[in-house]
Amino acid sequence: MSKPDKTARAEAARKVLEAERARRRRTIAIQVGVVVLVVAAVIGGTVIALQQGSDDAPSAAPSGVTDDGGYVVGDPDAAVTVEVVEDFQCPVCQAFEEASGGVLQDLAATDGVNVSYRGIAFLDRASSTEYSSRALNASACVIEAADTEVWTDFHQQLYLQQPPEGGAGLPDSELVAIAEAAGADGVESCIRDRTYDAWVESTTDAAFDEGVTGTPTVYVDGEVVEDVSPAGLQAAVDEALAS
């Protein structure tokens, strides 16, 4: 074989090899491009889905509550605040409401005083249907849908009709009926769907993180009231007003 033939064949082989390498580079580039497009589409779709989910999700808390989860009855700008931390499944809260609920209403109507009712739900273990959480969610639904007078009536009725511990608790249908009898309209789906379940959990956790150890816990201007009898509450408020 002559030298020119060997050179020609070597040159031809080199060109074939380079062509193959070029083809492979193009294939890899195309594949990488496809992967990038697919990943971008997936990420984009996920972002859109998350945004849509965020847009469609209910508000974290009912619009009528304070940042710490309280529902204020009376002048929101009052100088003295009585804060009541309660659980609608709590028998001691029921007894407190029966004994001192009227005094709290009178205090809320007093110049310079308001009452902030801060519901929490830690007694789900006392029912077979998470009644504590369901009742607080129903309260949030009424807060969102109605005025203070309607919520106050609903609040009273929840204690008057409080189920015994260890049972199923009131069914959602009864919570809806109590809310509607108090004057709240359009709350059925909110109560049945447990619209404010996430808020119920977060506001309960926040209360315990802040030092609440049980219910009822009563504060006057941030100070725990040891004597929560009607006379004890009135004395604590009178002292706060005088200071």
Protein backbone atom coordinates (compact mmCIF):
# COMPACT_ATOMS: atom_id res chain seq x y z
CA MET A 1 0.00 0.00 0.00
CA SER A 2 1.40 3.39 -0.90
CA LYS A 3 1.95 6.15 1.58
CA PRO A 4 -0.63 8.43 -0.07
CA ASP A 5 -3.28 5.69 0.31
CA LYS A 6 -2.48 5.29 4.02
CA THR A 7 -2.63 9.04 4.51
CA ALA A 8 -5.95 9.33 2.70
CA ARG A 9 -7.44 6.54 4.70
CA ALA A 10 -6.18 8.00 7.98
CA GLU A 11 -7.62 11.36 7.01
CA ALA A 12 -10.95 9.75 6.16
CA ALA A 13 -10.99 7.89 9.48
CA ARG A 14 -10.22 11.11 11.32
CA LYS A 15 -13.11 12.89 9.63
CA VAL A 16 -15.50 10.03 10.45
CA LEU A 17 -14.39 10.14 14.10
CA GLU A 18 -14.82 13.90 14.31
CA ALA A 19 -18.22 13.64 12.66
CA GLU A 20 -19.27 11.02 15.21
CA ARG A 21 -18.03 13.17 18.06
CA ALA A 22 -19.91 16.15 16.68
CA ARG A 23 -23.07 14.08 16.35
CA ARG A 24 -22.76 12.94 19.95
CA ARG A 25 -22.22 16.51 21.16
CA ARG A 26 -25.35 17.62 19.31
CA THR A 27 -27.35 14.72 20.78
CA ILE A 28 -26.17 15.50 24.30
CA ALA A 29 -26.93 19.20 23.84
CA ILE A 30 -30.44 18.39 22.64
CA GLN A 31 -31.03 16.02 25.54
CA VAL A 32 -29.79 18.55 28.08
CA GLY A 33 -31.99 21.19 26.53
CA VAL A 34 -35.03 18.94 26.76
CA VAL A 35 -34.27 18.16 30.40
CA VAL A 36 -33.87 21.85 31.20
CA LEU A 37 -37.17 22.64 29.53
CA VAL A 38 -38.93 19.82 31.36
CA VAL A 39 -37.50 20.87 34.73
CA ALA A 40 -38.42 24.49 34.06
CA ALA A 41 -41.94 23.47 33.13
CA VAL A 42 -42.28 21.37 36.28
CA ILE A 43 -40.93 24.15 38.48
CA GLY A 44 -43.12 26.70 36.76
CA GLY A 45 -46.15 24.49 37.13
CA THR A 46 -45.37 23.92 40.79
CA VAL A 47 -45.00 27.63 41.45
CA ILE A 48 -48.27 28.34 39.68
CA ALA A 49 -50.01 25.59 41.62
CA LEU A 50 -48.63 26.90 44.90
CA GLN A 51 -49.69 30.42 44.01
CA GLN A 52 -53.15 29.26 43.07
CA GLY A 53 -53.38 27.21 46.23
CA SER A 54 -52.36 30.24 48.25
CA ASP A 55 -54.93 32.40 46.48
CA ASP A 56 -57.67 29.85 47.04
CA ALA A 57 -56.78 29.12 50.69
CA PRO A 58 -58.88 30.72 53.42
CA SER A 59 -57.37 33.40 55.60
CA ALA A 60 -55.23 32.02 58.44
CA ALA A 61 -57.46 33.59 61.08
CA PRO A 62 -60.94 35.09 61.22
CA SER A 63 -60.72 38.78 60.44
CA GLY A 64 -62.26 39.79 63.77
CA VAL A 65 -59.53 38.49 66.06
CA THR A 66 -56.45 40.23 67.40
CA ASP A 67 -52.92 39.19 66.51
CA ASP A 68 -52.77 37.00 69.62
CA GLY A 69 -56.07 35.28 68.79
CA GLY A 70 -58.41 37.19 71.10
CA TYR A 71 -61.92 38.39 70.28
CA VAL A 72 -62.50 41.77 71.89
CA VAL A 73 -65.87 42.66 73.35
CA GLY A 74 -66.18 46.32 74.27
CA ASP A 75 -64.09 49.33 73.29
CA PRO A 76 -61.01 48.01 71.45
CA ASP A 77 -59.09 51.10 72.57
CA ALA A 78 -59.97 50.76 76.25
CA ALA A 79 -57.21 51.39 78.78
CA VAL A 80 -57.78 48.12 80.66
CA THR A 81 -58.11 44.67 79.06
CA VAL A 82 -59.44 41.57 80.75
CA GLU A 83 -58.19 38.52 78.83
CA VAL A 84 -59.91 35.17 79.27
CA VAL A 85 -58.14 32.08 77.91
CA GLU A 86 -60.71 29.32 77.56
CA ASP A 87 -61.51 25.95 75.99
CA PHE A 88 -65.11 25.19 75.07
CA GLN A 89 -64.71 21.59 76.26
CA CYS A 90 -63.35 22.67 79.67
CA PRO A 91 -65.81 22.02 82.56
CA VAL A 92 -64.02 24.54 84.78
CA CYS A 93 -64.46 27.15 82.02
CA GLN A 94 -68.15 26.34 82.00
CA ALA A 95 -68.31 26.89 85.76
CA PHE A 96 -66.36 30.13 85.39
CA GLU A 97 -68.72 31.35 82.67
CA GLU A 98 -71.73 30.50 84.83
CA ALA A 99 -70.31 32.33 87.84
CA SER A 100 -68.53 35.29 86.25
CA GLY A 101 -69.86 35.58 82.71
CA GLY A 102 -72.32 38.29 83.70
CA VAL A 103 -69.57 40.31 85.38
CA LEU A 104 -67.44 40.04 82.26
CA GLN A 105 -70.30 41.40 80.17
CA ASP A 106 -70.74 44.28 82.60
CA LEU A 107 -67.01 45.01 82.52
CA ALA A 108 -67.01 45.01 78.71
CA ALA A 109 -69.73 47.65 78.82
CA THR A 110 -67.75 49.78 81.27
CA ASP A 111 -65.87 52.84 80.05
CA GLY A 112 -62.17 52.15 79.89
CA VAL A 113 -62.48 48.34 79.95
CA ASN A 114 -62.77 45.59 77.34
CA VAL A 115 -62.75 41.81 77.51
CA SER A 116 -60.67 39.71 75.11
CA TYR A 117 -61.83 36.11 74.82
CA ARG A 118 -58.96 33.94 73.67
CA GLY A 119 -60.11 30.48 72.68
CA ILE A 120 -57.71 27.55 72.59
CA ALA A 121 -58.27 23.86 71.91
CA PHE A 122 -56.21 21.43 73.96
CA LEU A 123 -58.93 19.09 75.21
CA ASP A 124 -59.55 17.08 72.03
CA ARG A 125 -58.53 14.05 74.05
CA ALA A 126 -61.68 14.58 76.15
CA SER A 127 -63.95 13.66 73.23
CA SER A 128 -63.91 11.11 70.44
CA THR A 129 -64.48 13.70 67.69
CA GLU A 130 -62.00 16.51 68.49
CA TYR A 131 -64.86 18.55 69.88
CA SER A 132 -62.56 21.13 71.44
CA SER A 133 -61.07 22.03 68.05
CA ARG A 134 -64.40 21.82 66.24
CA ALA A 135 -66.06 24.16 68.75
CA LEU A 136 -63.27 26.74 68.48
CA ASN A 137 -63.41 26.52 64.70
CA ALA A 138 -67.17 27.14 64.88
CA SER A 139 -66.51 30.16 67.09
CA ALA A 140 -64.08 31.49 64.49
CA CYS A 141 -66.70 30.99 61.77
CA VAL A 142 -69.22 33.03 63.78
CA ILE A 143 -66.62 35.74 64.45
CA GLU A 144 -66.02 36.02 60.71
CA ALA A 145 -69.71 36.01 59.75
CA ALA A 146 -71.48 38.00 62.46
CA ASP A 147 -71.24 40.84 64.96
CA THR A 148 -70.25 40.88 68.63
CA GLU A 149 -73.78 40.44 69.94
CA VAL A 150 -74.32 37.29 67.87
CA TRP A 151 -70.95 35.85 68.88
CA THR A 152 -71.62 36.60 72.56
CA ASP A 153 -74.88 34.67 72.37
CA PHE A 154 -73.13 31.79 70.58
CA HIS A 155 -70.37 31.82 73.19
CA GLN A 156 -72.90 31.55 76.02
CA GLN A 157 -74.78 28.75 74.32
CA LEU A 158 -71.63 26.69 73.80
CA TYR A 159 -71.18 26.61 77.56
CA LEU A 160 -74.86 26.09 78.33
CA GLN A 161 -74.85 23.12 75.96
CA GLN A 162 -71.33 21.89 76.71
CA PRO A 163 -71.12 18.11 76.21
CA PRO A 164 -69.70 15.89 78.95
CA GLU A 165 -66.08 14.85 78.70
CA GLY A 166 -65.39 11.44 77.24
CA GLY A 167 -68.24 11.46 74.72
CA ALA A 168 -68.53 12.43 71.09
CA GLY A 169 -69.25 16.09 71.71
CA LEU A 170 -71.87 18.06 69.82
CA PRO A 171 -72.06 17.10 66.14
CA ASP A 172 -71.31 19.73 63.51
CA SER A 173 -75.00 19.90 62.65
CA GLU A 174 -75.74 21.04 66.20
CA LEU A 175 -72.93 23.59 66.18
CA VAL A 176 -74.43 24.97 62.96
CA ALA A 177 -77.89 25.07 64.55
CA ILE A 178 -76.58 26.92 67.63
CA ALA A 179 -74.76 29.44 65.44
CA GLU A 180 -77.80 30.05 63.25
CA ALA A 181 -80.09 30.37 66.29
CA ALA A 182 -77.71 33.05 67.62
CA GLY A 183 -78.09 34.93 64.34
CA ALA A 184 -75.06 33.84 62.29
CA ASP A 185 -75.84 33.21 58.62
CA GLY A 186 -73.82 31.30 56.05
CA VAL A 187 -71.62 29.44 58.50
CA GLU A 188 -72.56 25.84 57.72
CA SER A 189 -69.79 25.06 55.24
CA CYS A 190 -67.23 26.89 57.40
CA ILE A 191 -68.15 24.76 60.40
CA ARG A 192 -68.44 21.45 58.56
CA ASP A 193 -65.24 21.98 56.55
CA ARG A 194 -63.32 23.15 59.64
CA THR A 195 -62.12 26.15 57.69
CA TYR A 196 -60.05 27.56 60.54
CA ASP A 197 -58.48 24.30 61.69
CA ALA A 198 -54.93 25.52 61.00
CA TRP A 199 -55.59 28.70 62.97
CA VAL A 200 -57.08 26.70 65.85
CA GLU A 201 -53.88 24.70 66.11
CA SER A 202 -51.53 27.67 65.77
CA THR A 203 -53.35 29.90 68.26
CA THR A 204 -53.42 27.05 70.79
CA ASP A 205 -49.69 26.43 70.36
CA ALA A 206 -48.99 30.15 70.68
CA ALA A 207 -50.90 30.38 73.97
CA PHE A 208 -48.90 27.57 75.55
CA ASP A 209 -45.65 28.99 74.17
CA GLU A 210 -46.51 32.21 75.99
CA GLY A 211 -46.91 30.41 79.32
CA VAL A 212 -50.56 29.41 79.52
CA THR A 213 -50.79 26.18 81.51
CA GLY A 214 -54.54 25.56 81.61
CA THR A 215 -58.01 27.01 81.30
CA PRO A 216 -59.53 29.23 82.35
CA THR A 217 -56.63 31.62 82.73
CA VAL A 218 -57.59 35.23 83.32
CA TYR A 219 -55.38 38.28 82.98
CA VAL A 220 -55.99 41.95 83.73
CA ASP A 221 -53.56 44.06 81.76
CA GLY A 222 -51.23 41.10 81.41
CA GLU A 223 -51.23 40.10 85.08
CA VAL A 224 -52.72 36.75 86.08
CA VAL A 225 -55.82 37.07 88.27
CA GLU A 226 -55.75 34.43 91.00
CA ASP A 227 -59.25 35.14 92.32
CA VAL A 228 -61.54 34.79 89.30
CA SER A 229 -64.75 35.10 91.30
CA PRO A 230 -66.99 38.03 90.35
CA ALA A 231 -65.65 40.02 93.30
CA GLY A 232 -62.06 39.11 92.50
CA LEU A 233 -62.40 40.16 88.86
CA GLN A 234 -64.02 43.44 89.79
CA ALA A 235 -61.30 44.20 92.33
CA ALA A 236 -58.54 43.49 89.82
CA VAL A 237 -60.14 45.75 87.23
CA ASP A 238 -60.76 48.54 89.76
CA GLU A 239 -57.11 48.41 90.76
CA ALA A 240 -55.99 48.57 87.12
CA LEU A 241 -58.28 51.52 86.41
CA ALA A 242 -56.93 53.37 89.43
CA SER A 243 -53.28 52.90 88.51
